[in-house]
Amino acid sequence: MSPALRRSSGCSGKHGIQLAVIDASVIVKWFVEEENSSKAMEIRDRYISGELRLIAPEIIIFEVLNALYYKNLFSEDEMKGIGEALQSYSIELYSLEGEYRDKTIEVAFKNRITIYDAAYIGLAVVKGTFMYTADEKLKNKLTKEYKQYIRTLNEI
Protein backbone atom coordinates (compact mmCIF):
# COMPACT_ATOMS: atom_id res chain seq x y z
CA MET A 1 0.00 0.00 0.00
CA SER A 2 1.27 3.43 -0.91
CA PRO A 3 1.93 5.89 1.94
CA ALA A 4 -0.35 8.35 0.11
CA LEU A 5 -3.37 6.28 1.11
CA ARG A 6 -3.81 6.90 4.81
CA ARG A 7 -5.86 4.61 6.98
CA SER A 8 -6.97 5.92 10.30
CA SER A 9 -8.91 4.88 13.35
CA GLY A 10 -9.13 8.33 14.89
CA CYS A 11 -9.48 12.04 14.32
CA SER A 12 -6.37 14.12 13.71
CA GLY A 13 -7.90 17.08 15.57
CA LYS A 14 -7.09 19.80 13.06
CA HIS A 15 -8.81 22.97 14.26
CA GLY A 16 -10.58 25.40 11.98
CA ILE A 17 -10.99 22.90 9.15
CA GLN A 18 -14.47 21.52 8.54
CA LEU A 19 -14.65 17.74 8.75
CA ALA A 20 -16.99 15.82 6.43
CA VAL A 21 -17.56 12.26 5.31
CA ILE A 22 -17.70 11.91 1.54
CA ASP A 23 -19.37 9.07 -0.30
CA ALA A 24 -18.62 7.43 -3.63
CA SER A 25 -21.53 9.10 -5.42
CA VAL A 26 -19.82 12.47 -4.97
CA ILE A 27 -16.33 11.34 -5.93
CA VAL A 28 -17.59 9.66 -9.11
CA LYS A 29 -18.69 13.14 -10.22
CA TRP A 30 -15.06 14.29 -10.01
CA PHE A 31 -14.38 12.08 -13.03
CA VAL A 32 -17.66 12.11 -14.97
CA GLU A 33 -19.80 15.10 -15.96
CA GLU A 34 -23.24 14.41 -14.49
CA GLU A 35 -25.99 16.29 -12.69
CA ASN A 36 -24.43 18.25 -9.80
CA SER A 37 -20.85 17.53 -10.92
CA SER A 38 -20.06 21.22 -10.41
CA LYS A 39 -21.13 20.96 -6.75
CA ALA A 40 -19.03 17.83 -6.33
CA MET A 41 -16.07 19.71 -7.80
CA GLU A 42 -16.63 22.54 -5.31
CA ILE A 43 -16.26 20.00 -2.48
CA ARG A 44 -13.09 18.64 -4.09
CA ASP A 45 -11.67 22.15 -4.50
CA ARG A 46 -12.44 23.02 -0.86
CA TYR A 47 -10.62 19.83 0.17
CA ILE A 48 -7.60 20.58 -2.01
CA SER A 49 -7.40 24.16 -0.69
CA GLY A 50 -7.42 22.89 2.91
CA GLU A 51 -10.83 24.32 3.90
CA LEU A 52 -12.33 20.87 4.24
CA ARG A 53 -11.04 17.60 5.67
CA LEU A 54 -12.61 14.59 3.95
CA ILE A 55 -12.88 11.16 5.52
CA ALA A 56 -14.54 7.95 4.33
CA PRO A 57 -14.89 4.23 4.95
CA GLU A 58 -12.16 2.09 3.38
CA ILE A 59 -14.68 0.70 0.90
CA ILE A 60 -14.93 4.02 -0.95
CA ILE A 61 -12.06 3.29 -3.34
CA PHE A 62 -13.72 0.02 -4.42
CA GLU A 63 -17.09 1.72 -4.82
CA VAL A 64 -15.77 4.61 -6.91
CA LEU A 65 -13.73 2.38 -9.20
CA ASN A 66 -16.62 -0.05 -9.57
CA ALA A 67 -19.10 2.70 -10.44
CA LEU A 68 -16.72 4.17 -13.01
CA TYR A 69 -15.95 0.75 -14.47
CA TYR A 70 -19.64 0.06 -15.06
CA LYS A 71 -20.13 3.40 -16.79
CA ASN A 72 -17.98 1.96 -19.62
CA LEU A 73 -16.40 5.35 -20.28
CA PHE A 74 -12.78 4.55 -19.47
CA SER A 75 -10.11 2.22 -20.81
CA GLU A 76 -8.13 -0.07 -18.53
CA ASP A 77 -5.19 2.37 -18.51
CA GLU A 78 -7.50 5.30 -17.76
CA MET A 79 -9.02 3.36 -14.87
CA LYS A 80 -5.54 2.68 -13.51
CA GLY A 81 -4.87 6.42 -13.73
CA ILE A 82 -8.09 7.14 -11.85
CA GLY A 83 -7.01 4.64 -9.19
CA GLU A 84 -3.73 6.53 -8.81
CA ALA A 85 -5.60 9.85 -8.67
CA LEU A 86 -7.87 8.53 -5.93
CA GLN A 87 -4.84 7.44 -3.97
CA SER A 88 -3.13 10.80 -4.43
CA TYR A 89 -6.11 12.63 -2.90
CA SER A 90 -5.14 10.97 0.41
CA ILE A 91 -8.66 10.99 1.81
CA GLU A 92 -8.47 9.65 5.36
CA LEU A 93 -9.92 6.13 5.31
CA TYR A 94 -11.43 4.28 8.26
CA SER A 95 -11.56 0.56 8.96
CA LEU A 96 -14.87 -0.85 10.11
CA GLU A 97 -14.05 -1.65 13.73
CA GLY A 98 -15.04 -0.86 17.30
CA GLU A 99 -17.58 1.90 17.96
CA TYR A 100 -17.69 2.75 14.25
CA ARG A 101 -18.56 -0.86 13.31
CA ASP A 102 -21.29 -1.01 15.96
CA LYS A 103 -22.81 2.31 14.88
CA THR A 104 -22.78 1.20 11.23
CA ILE A 105 -24.71 -1.96 12.09
CA GLU A 106 -27.17 0.06 14.17
CA VAL A 107 -27.74 2.53 11.30
CA ALA A 108 -28.32 -0.33 8.85
CA PHE A 109 -30.89 -2.03 11.07
CA LYS A 110 -32.73 1.14 12.13
CA ASN A 111 -33.04 2.37 8.53
CA ARG A 112 -33.19 -0.92 6.59
CA ILE A 113 -30.28 0.08 4.38
CA THR A 114 -27.15 -1.73 3.25
CA ILE A 115 -24.10 -1.98 5.46
CA TYR A 116 -22.25 -0.22 2.63
CA ASP A 117 -24.49 2.85 2.85
CA ALA A 118 -24.68 2.68 6.64
CA ALA A 119 -20.86 2.75 6.87
CA TYR A 120 -20.78 6.33 5.60
CA ILE A 121 -23.57 7.50 7.91
CA GLY A 122 -22.12 5.59 10.86
CA LEU A 123 -18.79 7.32 10.34
CA ALA A 124 -20.49 10.73 10.28
CA VAL A 125 -22.35 9.92 13.50
CA VAL A 126 -19.26 8.65 15.32
CA LYS A 127 -17.20 11.66 14.20
CA GLY A 128 -19.99 14.14 15.00
CA THR A 129 -20.07 15.54 11.50
CA PHE A 130 -22.08 15.12 8.30
CA MET A 131 -21.85 13.22 5.05
CA TYR A 132 -21.89 14.57 1.50
CA THR A 133 -23.82 12.40 -0.97
CA ALA A 134 -25.48 12.68 -4.36
CA ASP A 135 -27.90 9.93 -3.36
CA GLU A 136 -31.26 11.61 -2.65
CA LYS A 137 -32.97 8.21 -2.35
CA LEU A 138 -30.66 7.26 0.50
CA LYS A 139 -31.55 10.36 2.50
CA ASN A 140 -35.26 9.71 1.92
CA LYS A 141 -34.93 6.19 3.40
CA LEU A 142 -33.50 7.47 6.67
CA THR A 143 -35.31 8.14 9.90
CA LYS A 144 -35.29 11.70 11.20
CA GLU A 145 -32.56 10.72 13.67
CA TYR A 146 -30.11 10.07 10.83
CA LYS A 147 -31.26 12.54 8.13
CA GLN A 148 -29.53 15.32 10.08
CA TYR A 149 -26.16 13.77 9.19
CA ILE A 150 -26.73 14.00 5.42
CA ARG A 151 -26.01 16.87 3.00
CA THR A 152 -27.05 16.06 -0.54
CA LEU A 153 -25.48 17.88 -3.46
CA ASN A 154 -28.90 19.46 -4.14
CA GLU A 155 -28.71 21.09 -0.69
CA ILE A 156 -25.39 22.85 -1.16
C-alpha atoms as a PDB file:
ATOM      1  CA  MET A   1       0.000   0.000   0.000  1.00  0.00           C
ATOM      2  CA  SER A   2       1.270   3.434  -0.912  1.00  0.00           C
ATOM      3  CA  PRO A   3       1.927   5.891   1.936  1.00  0.00           C
ATOM      4  CA  ALA A   4      -0.353   8.354   0.114  1.00  0.00           C
ATOM      5  CA  LEU A   5      -3.371   6.282   1.113  1.00  0.00           C
ATOM      6  CA  ARG A   6      -3.810   6.904   4.811  1.00  0.00           C
ATOM      7  CA  ARG A   7      -5.860   4.607   6.982  1.00  0.00           C
ATOM      8  CA  SER A   8      -6.972   5.923  10.304  1.00  0.00           C
ATOM      9  CA  SER A   9      -8.914   4.881  13.353  1.00  0.00           C
ATOM     10  CA  GLY A  10      -9.132   8.331  14.888  1.00  0.00           C
ATOM     11  CA  CYS A  11      -9.480  12.037  14.322  1.00  0.00           C
ATOM     12  CA  SER A  12      -6.367  14.120  13.709  1.00  0.00           C
ATOM     13  CA  GLY A  13      -7.901  17.082  15.565  1.00  0.00           C
ATOM     14  CA  LYS A  14      -7.088  19.795  13.057  1.00  0.00           C
ATOM     15  CA  HIS A  15      -8.805  22.967  14.262  1.00  0.00           C
ATOM     16  CA  GLY A  16     -10.585  25.397  11.977  1.00  0.00           C
ATOM     17  CA  ILE A  17     -10.992  22.901   9.148  1.00  0.00           C
ATOM     18  CA  GLN A  18     -14.474  21.523   8.540  1.00  0.00           C
ATOM     19  CA  LEU A  19     -14.654  17.737   8.754  1.00  0.00           C
ATOM     20  CA  ALA A  20     -16.991  15.822   6.435  1.00  0.00           C
ATOM     21  CA  VAL A  21     -17.560  12.263   5.314  1.00  0.00           C
ATOM     22  CA  ILE A  22     -17.701  11.909   1.543  1.00  0.00           C
ATOM     23  CA  ASP A  23     -19.371   9.072  -0.301  1.00  0.00           C
ATOM     24  CA  ALA A  24     -18.618   7.427  -3.625  1.00  0.00           C
ATOM     25  CA  SER A  25     -21.532   9.104  -5.417  1.00  0.00           C
ATOM     26  CA  VAL A  26     -19.819  12.475  -4.970  1.00  0.00           C
ATOM     27  CA  ILE A  27     -16.328  11.341  -5.925  1.00  0.00           C
ATOM     28  CA  VAL A  28     -17.593   9.660  -9.112  1.00  0.00           C
ATOM     29  CA  LYS A  29     -18.686  13.135 -10.221  1.00  0.00           C
ATOM     30  CA  TRP A  30     -15.064  14.289 -10.007  1.00  0.00           C
ATOM     31  CA  PHE A  31     -14.378  12.080 -13.025  1.00  0.00           C
ATOM     32  CA  VAL A  32     -17.663  12.114 -14.966  1.00  0.00           C
ATOM     33  CA  GLU A  33     -19.800  15.097 -15.961  1.00  0.00           C
ATOM     34  CA  GLU A  34     -23.244  14.407 -14.488  1.00  0.00           C
ATOM     35  CA  GLU A  35     -25.990  16.288 -12.692  1.00  0.00           C
ATOM     36  CA  ASN A  36     -24.428  18.250  -9.804  1.00  0.00           C
ATOM     37  CA  SER A  37     -20.850  17.532 -10.924  1.00  0.00           C
ATOM     38  CA  SER A  38     -20.055  21.219 -10.409  1.00  0.00           C
ATOM     39  CA  LYS A  39     -21.133  20.959  -6.754  1.00  0.00           C
ATOM     40  CA  ALA A  40     -19.025  17.830  -6.327  1.00  0.00           C
ATOM     41  CA  MET A  41     -16.067  19.709  -7.802  1.00  0.00           C
ATOM     42  CA  GLU A  42     -16.628  22.544  -5.306  1.00  0.00           C
ATOM     43  CA  ILE A  43     -16.262  20.004  -2.483  1.00  0.00           C
ATOM     44  CA  ARG A  44     -13.093  18.643  -4.094  1.00  0.00           C
ATOM     45  CA  ASP A  45     -11.674  22.147  -4.496  1.00  0.00           C
ATOM     46  CA  ARG A  46     -12.442  23.016  -0.860  1.00  0.00           C
ATOM     47  CA  TYR A  47     -10.622  19.829   0.167  1.00  0.00           C
ATOM     48  CA  ILE A  48      -7.602  20.579  -2.010  1.00  0.00           C
ATOM     49  CA  SER A  49      -7.404  24.161  -0.685  1.00  0.00           C
ATOM     50  CA  GLY A  50      -7.422  22.891   2.913  1.00  0.00           C
ATOM     51  CA  GLU A  51     -10.834  24.320   3.900  1.00  0.00           C
ATOM     52  CA  LEU A  52     -12.329  20.867   4.244  1.00  0.00           C
ATOM     53  CA  ARG A  53     -11.042  17.601   5.672  1.00  0.00           C
ATOM     54  CA  LEU A  54     -12.609  14.586   3.949  1.00  0.00           C
ATOM     55  CA  ILE A  55     -12.881  11.158   5.521  1.00  0.00           C
ATOM     56  CA  ALA A  56     -14.541   7.946   4.332  1.00  0.00           C
ATOM     57  CA  PRO A  57     -14.892   4.228   4.954  1.00  0.00           C
ATOM     58  CA  GLU A  58     -12.158   2.095   3.376  1.00  0.00           C
ATOM     59  CA  ILE A  59     -14.680   0.703   0.897  1.00  0.00           C
ATOM     60  CA  ILE A  60     -14.929   4.022  -0.949  1.00  0.00           C
ATOM     61  CA  ILE A  61     -12.060   3.287  -3.341  1.00  0.00           C
ATOM     62  CA  PHE A  62     -13.723   0.022  -4.418  1.00  0.00           C
ATOM     63  CA  GLU A  63     -17.086   1.720  -4.821  1.00  0.00           C
ATOM     64  CA  VAL A  64     -15.766   4.611  -6.912  1.00  0.00           C
ATOM     65  CA  LEU A  65     -13.725   2.383  -9.205  1.00  0.00           C
ATOM     66  CA  ASN A  66     -16.617  -0.055  -9.572  1.00  0.00           C
ATOM     67  CA  ALA A  67     -19.103   2.701 -10.436  1.00  0.00           C
ATOM     68  CA  LEU A  68     -16.719   4.174 -13.010  1.00  0.00           C
ATOM     69  CA  TYR A  69     -15.948   0.745 -14.469  1.00  0.00           C
ATOM     70  CA  TYR A  70     -19.644   0.061 -15.055  1.00  0.00           C
ATOM     71  CA  LYS A  71     -20.129   3.400 -16.789  1.00  0.00           C
ATOM     72  CA  ASN A  72     -17.981   1.956 -19.621  1.00  0.00           C
ATOM     73  CA  LEU A  73     -16.400   5.345 -20.284  1.00  0.00           C
ATOM     74  CA  PHE A  74     -12.779   4.552 -19.467  1.00  0.00           C
ATOM     75  CA  SER A  75     -10.110   2.222 -20.814  1.00  0.00           C
ATOM     76  CA  GLU A  76      -8.125  -0.070 -18.531  1.00  0.00           C
ATOM     77  CA  ASP A  77      -5.193   2.372 -18.513  1.00  0.00           C
ATOM     78  CA  GLU A  78      -7.501   5.295 -17.765  1.00  0.00           C
ATOM     79  CA  MET A  79      -9.024   3.356 -14.869  1.00  0.00           C
ATOM     80  CA  LYS A  80      -5.538   2.679 -13.508  1.00  0.00           C
ATOM     81  CA  GLY A  81      -4.871   6.420 -13.732  1.00  0.00           C
ATOM     82  CA  ILE A  82      -8.090   7.136 -11.851  1.00  0.00           C
ATOM     83  CA  GLY A  83      -7.007   4.641  -9.189  1.00  0.00           C
ATOM     84  CA  GLU A  84      -3.729   6.532  -8.814  1.00  0.00           C
ATOM     85  CA  ALA A  85      -5.599   9.849  -8.672  1.00  0.00           C
ATOM     86  CA  LEU A  86      -7.867   8.526  -5.926  1.00  0.00           C
ATOM     87  CA  GLN A  87      -4.835   7.436  -3.974  1.00  0.00           C
ATOM     88  CA  SER A  88      -3.132  10.804  -4.429  1.00  0.00           C
ATOM     89  CA  TYR A  89      -6.111  12.634  -2.905  1.00  0.00           C
ATOM     90  CA  SER A  90      -5.144  10.970   0.407  1.00  0.00           C
ATOM     91  CA  ILE A  91      -8.658  10.990   1.815  1.00  0.00           C
ATOM     92  CA  GLU A  92      -8.467   9.651   5.358  1.00  0.00           C
ATOM     93  CA  LEU A  93      -9.921   6.127   5.311  1.00  0.00           C
ATOM     94  CA  TYR A  94     -11.426   4.277   8.263  1.00  0.00           C
ATOM     95  CA  SER A  95     -11.557   0.556   8.956  1.00  0.00           C
ATOM     96  CA  LEU A  96     -14.875  -0.854  10.115  1.00  0.00           C
ATOM     97  CA  GLU A  97     -14.049  -1.645  13.730  1.00  0.00           C
ATOM     98  CA  GLY A  98     -15.041  -0.856  17.302  1.00  0.00           C
ATOM     99  CA  GLU A  99     -17.577   1.898  17.957  1.00  0.00           C
ATOM    100  CA  TYR A 100     -17.688   2.752  14.251  1.00  0.00           C
ATOM    101  CA  ARG A 101     -18.564  -0.855  13.315  1.00  0.00           C
ATOM    102  CA  ASP A 102     -21.288  -1.014  15.956  1.00  0.00           C
ATOM    103  CA  LYS A 103     -22.809   2.312  14.877  1.00  0.00           C
ATOM    104  CA  THR A 104     -22.777   1.200  11.226  1.00  0.00           C
ATOM    105  CA  ILE A 105     -24.706  -1.957  12.085  1.00  0.00           C
ATOM    106  CA  GLU A 106     -27.170   0.065  14.169  1.00  0.00           C
ATOM    107  CA  VAL A 107     -27.744   2.534  11.305  1.00  0.00           C
ATOM    108  CA  ALA A 108     -28.319  -0.331   8.847  1.00  0.00           C
ATOM    109  CA  PHE A 109     -30.887  -2.026  11.075  1.00  0.00           C
ATOM    110  CA  LYS A 110     -32.734   1.138  12.133  1.00  0.00           C
ATOM    111  CA  ASN A 111     -33.035   2.368   8.534  1.00  0.00           C
ATOM    112  CA  ARG A 112     -33.193  -0.917   6.594  1.00  0.00           C
ATOM    113  CA  ILE A 113     -30.281   0.078   4.377  1.00  0.00           C
ATOM    114  CA  THR A 114     -27.145  -1.734   3.249  1.00  0.00           C
ATOM    115  CA  ILE A 115     -24.100  -1.977   5.461  1.00  0.00           C
ATOM    116  CA  TYR A 116     -22.246  -0.221   2.630  1.00  0.00           C
ATOM    117  CA  ASP A 117     -24.488   2.847   2.854  1.00  0.00           C
ATOM    118  CA  ALA A 118     -24.677   2.677   6.640  1.00  0.00           C
ATOM    119  CA  ALA A 119     -20.864   2.747   6.869  1.00  0.00           C
ATOM    120  CA  TYR A 120     -20.777   6.334   5.596  1.00  0.00           C
ATOM    121  CA  ILE A 121     -23.566   7.502   7.906  1.00  0.00           C
ATOM    122  CA  GLY A 122     -22.122   5.594  10.858  1.00  0.00           C
ATOM    123  CA  LEU A 123     -18.785   7.319  10.344  1.00  0.00           C
ATOM    124  CA  ALA A 124     -20.489  10.728  10.284  1.00  0.00           C
ATOM    125  CA  VAL A 125     -22.353   9.924  13.502  1.00  0.00           C
ATOM    126  CA  VAL A 126     -19.257   8.655  15.325  1.00  0.00           C
ATOM    127  CA  LYS A 127     -17.202  11.658  14.202  1.00  0.00           C
ATOM    128  CA  GLY A 128     -19.987  14.141  15.003  1.00  0.00           C
ATOM    129  CA  THR A 129     -20.074  15.545  11.496  1.00  0.00           C
ATOM    130  CA  PHE A 130     -22.084  15.119   8.301  1.00  0.00           C
ATOM    131  CA  MET A 131     -21.846  13.215   5.054  1.00  0.00           C
ATOM    132  CA  TYR A 132     -21.888  14.570   1.498  1.00  0.00           C
ATOM    133  CA  THR A 133     -23.821  12.405  -0.966  1.00  0.00           C
ATOM    134  CA  ALA A 134     -25.475  12.678  -4.363  1.00  0.00           C
ATOM    135  CA  ASP A 135     -27.901   9.927  -3.360  1.00  0.00           C
ATOM    136  CA  GLU A 136     -31.259  11.608  -2.646  1.00  0.00           C
ATOM    137  CA  LYS A 137     -32.970   8.209  -2.349  1.00  0.00           C
ATOM    138  CA  LEU A 138     -30.658   7.257   0.502  1.00  0.00           C
ATOM    139  CA  LYS A 139     -31.555  10.358   2.497  1.00  0.00           C
ATOM    140  CA  ASN A 140     -35.258   9.712   1.918  1.00  0.00           C
ATOM    141  CA  LYS A 141     -34.934   6.193   3.395  1.00  0.00           C
ATOM    142  CA  LEU A 142     -33.495   7.472   6.667  1.00  0.00           C
ATOM    143  CA  THR A 143     -35.310   8.142   9.904  1.00  0.00           C
ATOM    144  CA  LYS A 144     -35.287  11.705  11.203  1.00  0.00           C
ATOM    145  CA  GLU A 145     -32.560  10.718  13.675  1.00  0.00           C
ATOM    146  CA  TYR A 146     -30.110  10.073  10.830  1.00  0.00           C
ATOM    147  CA  LYS A 147     -31.256  12.537   8.130  1.00  0.00           C
ATOM    148  CA  GLN A 148     -29.532  15.324  10.075  1.00  0.00           C
ATOM    149  CA  TYR A 149     -26.163  13.774   9.192  1.00  0.00           C
ATOM    150  CA  ILE A 150     -26.727  13.997   5.418  1.00  0.00           C
ATOM    151  CA  ARG A 151     -26.007  16.874   2.999  1.00  0.00           C
ATOM    152  CA  THR A 152     -27.053  16.058  -0.538  1.00  0.00           C
ATOM    153  CA  LEU A 153     -25.482  17.883  -3.461  1.00  0.00           C
ATOM    154  CA  ASN A 154     -28.895  19.461  -4.136  1.00  0.00           C
ATOM    155  CA  GLU A 155     -28.710  21.088  -0.694  1.00  0.00           C
ATOM    156  CA  ILE A 156     -25.387  22.848  -1.162  1.00  0.00           C
END
